[in-house]
C-alpha atoms as a PDB file:
ATOM      1  CA  MET A   1      98.949  78.883 134.020  1.00  0.00           C
ATOM      2  CA  SER A   2      96.700  81.748 135.105  1.00  0.00           C
ATOM      3  CA  LYS A   3      95.451  84.379 132.643  1.00  0.00           C
ATOM      4  CA  LYS A   4      97.065  87.070 134.779  1.00  0.00           C
ATOM      5  CA  LEU A   5     100.496  85.389 134.578  1.00  0.00           C
ATOM      6  CA  ILE A   6     100.189  84.910 130.809  1.00  0.00           C
ATOM      7  CA  ALA A   7      99.242  88.578 130.360  1.00  0.00           C
ATOM      8  CA  MET A   8     102.233  89.676 132.467  1.00  0.00           C
ATOM      9  CA  MET A   9     104.576  87.451 130.434  1.00  0.00           C
ATOM     10  CA  LEU A  10     103.249  88.867 127.140  1.00  0.00           C
ATOM     11  CA  LEU A  11     103.653  92.399 128.440  1.00  0.00           C
ATOM     12  CA  CYS A  12     107.249  91.660 129.448  1.00  0.00           C
ATOM     13  CA  VAL A  13     108.024  90.103 126.041  1.00  0.00           C
ATOM     14  CA  CYS A  14     106.553  93.122 124.231  1.00  0.00           C
ATOM     15  CA  CYS A  15     108.488  95.555 126.400  1.00  0.00           C
ATOM     16  CA  PHE A  16     111.720  93.593 125.955  1.00  0.00           C
ATOM     17  CA  CYS A  17     111.275  93.199 122.189  1.00  0.00           C
ATOM     18  CA  GLY A  18     110.178  96.808 121.692  1.00  0.00           C
ATOM     19  CA  CYS A  19     106.851  95.729 120.180  1.00  0.00           C
ATOM     20  CA  GLY A  20     104.523  98.666 119.524  1.00  0.00           C
ATOM     21  CA  LYS A  21     104.371 102.001 121.254  1.00  0.00           C
ATOM     22  CA  SER A  22     101.603 103.405 123.342  1.00  0.00           C
ATOM     23  CA  VAL A  23      99.802 106.471 122.026  1.00  0.00           C
ATOM     24  CA  GLU A  24     101.574 108.599 124.649  1.00  0.00           C
ATOM     25  CA  GLU A  25     104.959 107.484 123.266  1.00  0.00           C
ATOM     26  CA  LEU A  26     104.221 108.281 119.613  1.00  0.00           C
ATOM     27  CA  GLU A  27     106.147 111.107 118.004  1.00  0.00           C
ATOM     28  CA  PRO A  28     104.884 112.919 114.889  1.00  0.00           C
ATOM     29  CA  GLU A  29     105.850 110.885 111.804  1.00  0.00           C
ATOM     30  CA  ILE A  30     103.401 112.003 109.143  1.00  0.00           C
ATOM     31  CA  ALA A  31     104.613 114.959 107.071  1.00  0.00           C
ATOM     32  CA  ILE A  32     101.740 117.368 106.349  1.00  0.00           C
ATOM     33  CA  THR A  33     101.879 120.198 103.827  1.00  0.00           C
ATOM     34  CA  SER A  34      99.370 122.911 102.948  1.00  0.00           C
ATOM     35  CA  SER A  35      99.148 125.534 100.232  1.00  0.00           C
ATOM     36  CA  SER A  36      96.685 127.312 102.565  1.00  0.00           C
ATOM     37  CA  GLN A  37      99.605 128.378 104.715  1.00  0.00           C
ATOM     38  CA  VAL A  38     102.367 130.866 103.875  1.00  0.00           C
ATOM     39  CA  ASN A  39     105.343 131.479 106.178  1.00  0.00           C
ATOM     40  CA  GLY A  40     103.560 129.781 109.079  1.00  0.00           C
ATOM     41  CA  ALA A  41     100.326 131.793 108.723  1.00  0.00           C
ATOM     42  CA  TRP A  42      96.972 130.394 107.596  1.00  0.00           C
ATOM     43  CA  ASP A  43      95.363 132.096 104.593  1.00  0.00           C
ATOM     44  CA  VAL A  44      92.264 134.241 105.186  1.00  0.00           C
ATOM     45  CA  GLN A  45      90.226 131.910 102.886  1.00  0.00           C
ATOM     46  CA  ILE A  46      90.014 129.334 105.691  1.00  0.00           C
ATOM     47  CA  ALA A  47      88.774 131.867 108.280  1.00  0.00           C
ATOM     48  CA  LYS A  48      85.196 132.430 109.420  1.00  0.00           C
ATOM     49  CA  VAL A  49      85.937 136.167 109.965  1.00  0.00           C
ATOM     50  CA  ASP A  50      87.764 139.058 108.283  1.00  0.00           C
ATOM     51  CA  GLY A  51      86.259 138.396 104.854  1.00  0.00           C
ATOM     52  CA  GLY A  52      87.289 134.733 104.945  1.00  0.00           C
ATOM     53  CA  GLU A  53      85.350 132.104 103.043  1.00  0.00           C
ATOM     54  CA  ASN A  54      85.200 129.429 105.795  1.00  0.00           C
ATOM     55  CA  LEU A  55      86.875 126.906 103.465  1.00  0.00           C
ATOM     56  CA  SER A  56      88.739 123.992 105.004  1.00  0.00           C
ATOM     57  CA  PRO A  57      92.472 124.228 104.255  1.00  0.00           C
ATOM     58  CA  GLN A  58      94.171 122.345 101.452  1.00  0.00           C
ATOM     59  CA  LEU A  59      96.154 119.530 103.076  1.00  0.00           C
ATOM     60  CA  ALA A  60      98.369 116.685 101.872  1.00  0.00           C
ATOM     61  CA  TRP A  61     100.315 114.002 103.754  1.00  0.00           C
ATOM     62  CA  ASN A  62     102.293 110.874 103.085  1.00  0.00           C
ATOM     63  CA  THR A  63     100.615 107.470 102.920  1.00  0.00           C
ATOM     64  CA  VAL A  64     101.049 105.363 106.058  1.00  0.00           C
ATOM     65  CA  GLU A  65     101.462 101.633 105.509  1.00  0.00           C
ATOM     66  CA  ASP A  66      98.516  99.574 106.845  1.00  0.00           C
ATOM     67  CA  ALA A  67      96.327 102.676 107.364  1.00  0.00           C
ATOM     68  CA  SER A  68      92.757 102.299 106.136  1.00  0.00           C
ATOM     69  CA  CYS A  69      91.843 105.895 106.953  1.00  0.00           C
ATOM     70  CA  TYR A  70      92.961 109.137 108.571  1.00  0.00           C
ATOM     71  CA  ALA A  71      91.328 111.233 111.294  1.00  0.00           C
ATOM     72  CA  VAL A  72      91.966 114.935 110.639  1.00  0.00           C
ATOM     73  CA  TYR A  73      91.603 117.541 113.377  1.00  0.00           C
ATOM     74  CA  MET A  74      92.243 121.281 113.641  1.00  0.00           C
ATOM     75  CA  LEU A  75      92.548 122.750 117.134  1.00  0.00           C
ATOM     76  CA  ASP A  76      93.054 126.311 118.363  1.00  0.00           C
ATOM     77  CA  LEU A  77      95.700 125.844 121.051  1.00  0.00           C
ATOM     78  CA  ASN A  78      95.186 129.376 122.408  1.00  0.00           C
ATOM     79  CA  ALA A  79      91.517 128.695 123.121  1.00  0.00           C
ATOM     80  CA  ALA A  80      91.739 125.505 125.216  1.00  0.00           C
ATOM     81  CA  ASN A  81      91.903 123.230 122.150  1.00  0.00           C
ATOM     82  CA  TRP A  82      88.827 124.742 120.493  1.00  0.00           C
ATOM     83  CA  MET A  83      87.938 122.261 117.728  1.00  0.00           C
ATOM     84  CA  HIS A  84      87.652 123.682 114.208  1.00  0.00           C
ATOM     85  CA  MET A  85      87.884 120.444 112.228  1.00  0.00           C
ATOM     86  CA  LYS A  86      87.030 116.811 112.885  1.00  0.00           C
ATOM     87  CA  TYR A  87      86.956 114.602 109.802  1.00  0.00           C
ATOM     88  CA  LEU A  88      87.575 110.997 108.763  1.00  0.00           C
ATOM     89  CA  THR A  89      88.888 110.254 105.268  1.00  0.00           C
ATOM     90  CA  GLU A  90      90.548 107.507 103.243  1.00  0.00           C
ATOM     91  CA  LYS A  91      92.368 110.120 101.140  1.00  0.00           C
ATOM     92  CA  THR A  92      95.884 111.443 101.703  1.00  0.00           C
ATOM     93  CA  SER A  93      95.016 114.916 100.472  1.00  0.00           C
ATOM     94  CA  LEU A  94      92.133 117.335 100.814  1.00  0.00           C
ATOM     95  CA  ALA A  95      91.520 120.173  98.382  1.00  0.00           C
ATOM     96  CA  LEU A  96      90.615 123.636  99.629  1.00  0.00           C
ATOM     97  CA  GLY A  97      87.017 123.438 100.855  1.00  0.00           C
ATOM     98  CA  ASP A  98      86.754 119.598 100.720  1.00  0.00           C
ATOM     99  CA  VAL A  99      85.618 119.249 104.338  1.00  0.00           C
ATOM    100  CA  PRO A 100      81.956 120.256 104.722  1.00  0.00           C
ATOM    101  CA  ASP A 101      80.664 122.792 107.221  1.00  0.00           C
ATOM    102  CA  TYR A 102      79.957 120.740 110.338  1.00  0.00           C
ATOM    103  CA  LEU A 103      76.436 122.174 110.600  1.00  0.00           C
ATOM    104  CA  THR A 104      75.517 120.460 107.316  1.00  0.00           C
ATOM    105  CA  THR A 105      76.531 116.954 108.439  1.00  0.00           C
ATOM    106  CA  GLU A 106      74.376 114.486 110.358  1.00  0.00           C
ATOM    107  CA  ASP A 107      77.143 113.522 112.799  1.00  0.00           C
ATOM    108  CA  TYR A 108      78.492 117.048 113.366  1.00  0.00           C
ATOM    109  CA  THR A 109      81.889 116.265 111.908  1.00  0.00           C
ATOM    110  CA  GLY A 110      83.374 118.742 109.476  1.00  0.00           C
ATOM    111  CA  TYR A 111      84.891 122.203 109.550  1.00  0.00           C
ATOM    112  CA  LYS A 112      84.385 125.700 110.925  1.00  0.00           C
ATOM    113  CA  GLY A 113      87.112 128.210 110.170  1.00  0.00           C
ATOM    114  CA  PRO A 114      89.160 130.222 112.660  1.00  0.00           C
ATOM    115  CA  TYR A 115      87.467 133.179 114.313  1.00  0.00           C
ATOM    116  CA  PRO A 116      89.695 134.270 117.187  1.00  0.00           C
ATOM    117  CA  PRO A 117      88.340 137.105 119.338  1.00  0.00           C
ATOM    118  CA  SER A 118      91.488 139.170 118.709  1.00  0.00           C
ATOM    119  CA  GLY A 119      95.172 138.860 117.942  1.00  0.00           C
ATOM    120  CA  ALA A 120      97.079 135.806 116.760  1.00  0.00           C
ATOM    121  CA  HIS A 121      96.044 132.262 117.639  1.00  0.00           C
ATOM    122  CA  GLU A 122      97.900 129.026 116.915  1.00  0.00           C
ATOM    123  CA  TYR A 123      95.879 126.524 114.880  1.00  0.00           C
ATOM    124  CA  VAL A 124      97.292 123.020 114.545  1.00  0.00           C
ATOM    125  CA  VAL A 125      96.142 120.403 112.049  1.00  0.00           C
ATOM    126  CA  TYR A 126      96.651 116.817 113.179  1.00  0.00           C
ATOM    127  CA  VAL A 127      96.430 113.784 110.915  1.00  0.00           C
ATOM    128  CA  VAL A 128      96.095 110.430 112.700  1.00  0.00           C
ATOM    129  CA  ALA A 129      96.582 107.203 110.685  1.00  0.00           C
ATOM    130  CA  LEU A 130      94.187 104.445 111.732  1.00  0.00           C
ATOM    131  CA  LYS A 131      94.200 100.715 110.958  1.00  0.00           C
ATOM    132  CA  GLU A 132      90.400 100.537 111.032  1.00  0.00           C
ATOM    133  CA  ALA A 133      87.728 103.155 110.443  1.00  0.00           C
ATOM    134  CA  ASP A 134      85.441 101.538 113.038  1.00  0.00           C
ATOM    135  CA  VAL A 135      85.778 104.422 115.536  1.00  0.00           C
ATOM    136  CA  ASP A 136      83.810 107.293 116.955  1.00  0.00           C
ATOM    137  CA  LEU A 137      85.719 110.530 116.442  1.00  0.00           C
ATOM    138  CA  PRO A 138      86.167 112.084 119.887  1.00  0.00           C
ATOM    139  CA  GLY A 139      85.664 115.756 120.655  1.00  0.00           C
ATOM    140  CA  LYS A 140      82.884 118.243 119.975  1.00  0.00           C
ATOM    141  CA  MET A 141      83.010 120.613 117.052  1.00  0.00           C
ATOM    142  CA  ASP A 142      83.118 124.341 117.688  1.00  0.00           C
ATOM    143  CA  MET A 143      83.757 123.887 121.410  1.00  0.00           C
ATOM    144  CA  ASN A 144      86.762 123.984 123.689  1.00  0.00           C
ATOM    145  CA  SER A 145      88.040 120.802 125.231  1.00  0.00           C
ATOM    146  CA  ALA A 146      90.281 119.872 128.107  1.00  0.00           C
ATOM    147  CA  ASP A 147      91.472 117.013 125.880  1.00  0.00           C
ATOM    148  CA  ASP A 148      94.541 117.439 123.752  1.00  0.00           C
ATOM    149  CA  ILE A 149      95.426 115.390 120.681  1.00  0.00           C
ATOM    150  CA  LYS A 150      97.046 112.607 122.755  1.00  0.00           C
ATOM    151  CA  ASP A 151      93.786 112.195 124.730  1.00  0.00           C
ATOM    152  CA  MET A 152      91.831 112.002 121.480  1.00  0.00           C
ATOM    153  CA  MET A 153      94.333 109.543 120.018  1.00  0.00           C
ATOM    154  CA  ALA A 154      93.857 107.316 123.067  1.00  0.00           C
ATOM    155  CA  VAL A 155      90.132 107.133 122.204  1.00  0.00           C
ATOM    156  CA  LEU A 156      90.886 106.540 118.505  1.00  0.00           C
ATOM    157  CA  ASP A 157      93.284 103.748 119.483  1.00  0.00           C
ATOM    158  CA  VAL A 158      90.323 101.536 120.466  1.00  0.00           C
ATOM    159  CA  THR A 159      87.752 100.491 117.835  1.00  0.00           C
ATOM    160  CA  LYS A 160      84.025 100.202 118.538  1.00  0.00           C
ATOM    161  CA  GLU A 161      84.625  96.455 118.862  1.00  0.00           C
ATOM    162  CA  GLY A 162      87.130  97.080 121.660  1.00  0.00           C
ATOM    163  CA  LYS A 163      90.284  96.283 119.668  1.00  0.00           C
ATOM    164  CA  SER A 164      93.248  98.394 120.771  1.00  0.00           C
ATOM    165  CA  GLY A 165      96.295  99.375 118.716  1.00  0.00           C
ATOM    166  CA  ASN A 166      94.259 101.206 116.057  1.00  0.00           C
ATOM    167  CA  VAL A 167      96.495 104.325 115.885  1.00  0.00           C
ATOM    168  CA  ILE A 168      99.518 103.730 113.648  1.00  0.00           C
ATOM    169  CA  ALA A 169     101.082 107.198 113.388  1.00  0.00           C
ATOM    170  CA  TYR A 170     100.264 110.891 113.417  1.00  0.00           C
ATOM    171  CA  GLY A 171     101.564 114.220 112.189  1.00  0.00           C
ATOM    172  CA  GLU A 172     100.943 117.886 112.852  1.00  0.00           C
ATOM    173  CA  LEU A 173     101.122 121.184 111.006  1.00  0.00           C
ATOM    174  CA  SER A 174     101.006 124.384 113.023  1.00  0.00           C
ATOM    175  CA  GLY A 175     100.246 127.878 111.858  1.00  0.00           C
ATOM    176  CA  THR A 176      98.829 131.140 113.124  1.00  0.00           C
ATOM    177  CA  TYR A 177      95.819 133.154 112.140  1.00  0.00           C
ATOM    178  CA  THR A 178      95.682 136.782 113.226  1.00  0.00           C
ATOM    179  CA  ARG A 179      92.371 138.557 113.371  1.00  0.00           C
ATOM    180  CA  LYS A 180      92.464 141.969 111.722  1.00  0.00           C
END
């Protein structure tokens, strides 16, 4: 039997049995909470402007079975997915200020608080549960990106060794920050 035929048969069996979902098919399952957010608005402490302290937000989420770690992102959806946080952790909670300023890290992962030019912007925190931590976190800190979270999850879904199926689940928490 040819490799191509075997691959097609396995694909058909997985589709028929409902085995696994592609990253594009995943729906948010991880519940994220934050004391750094009140009534859907992010606290000024997390901001880089307006007297803010540039502290990463307090975050907590439920444990995902078989996850060895979690990729945590914060994107400004009103600024072409401008990346404010990119962080990998084994924890299921982060205290206020736990994520270092990205300029102090060797790999440029970390945090830089919101600093919209004016008005209200929507900032979304995403938590992505991963089976293995053997990944490069996609996206560039403090820059806009054409990629959205599903594009980044597609990269996270493949380990450095080329194994796919690394993303187990994800969640999101949205809030606004309005520049004074």
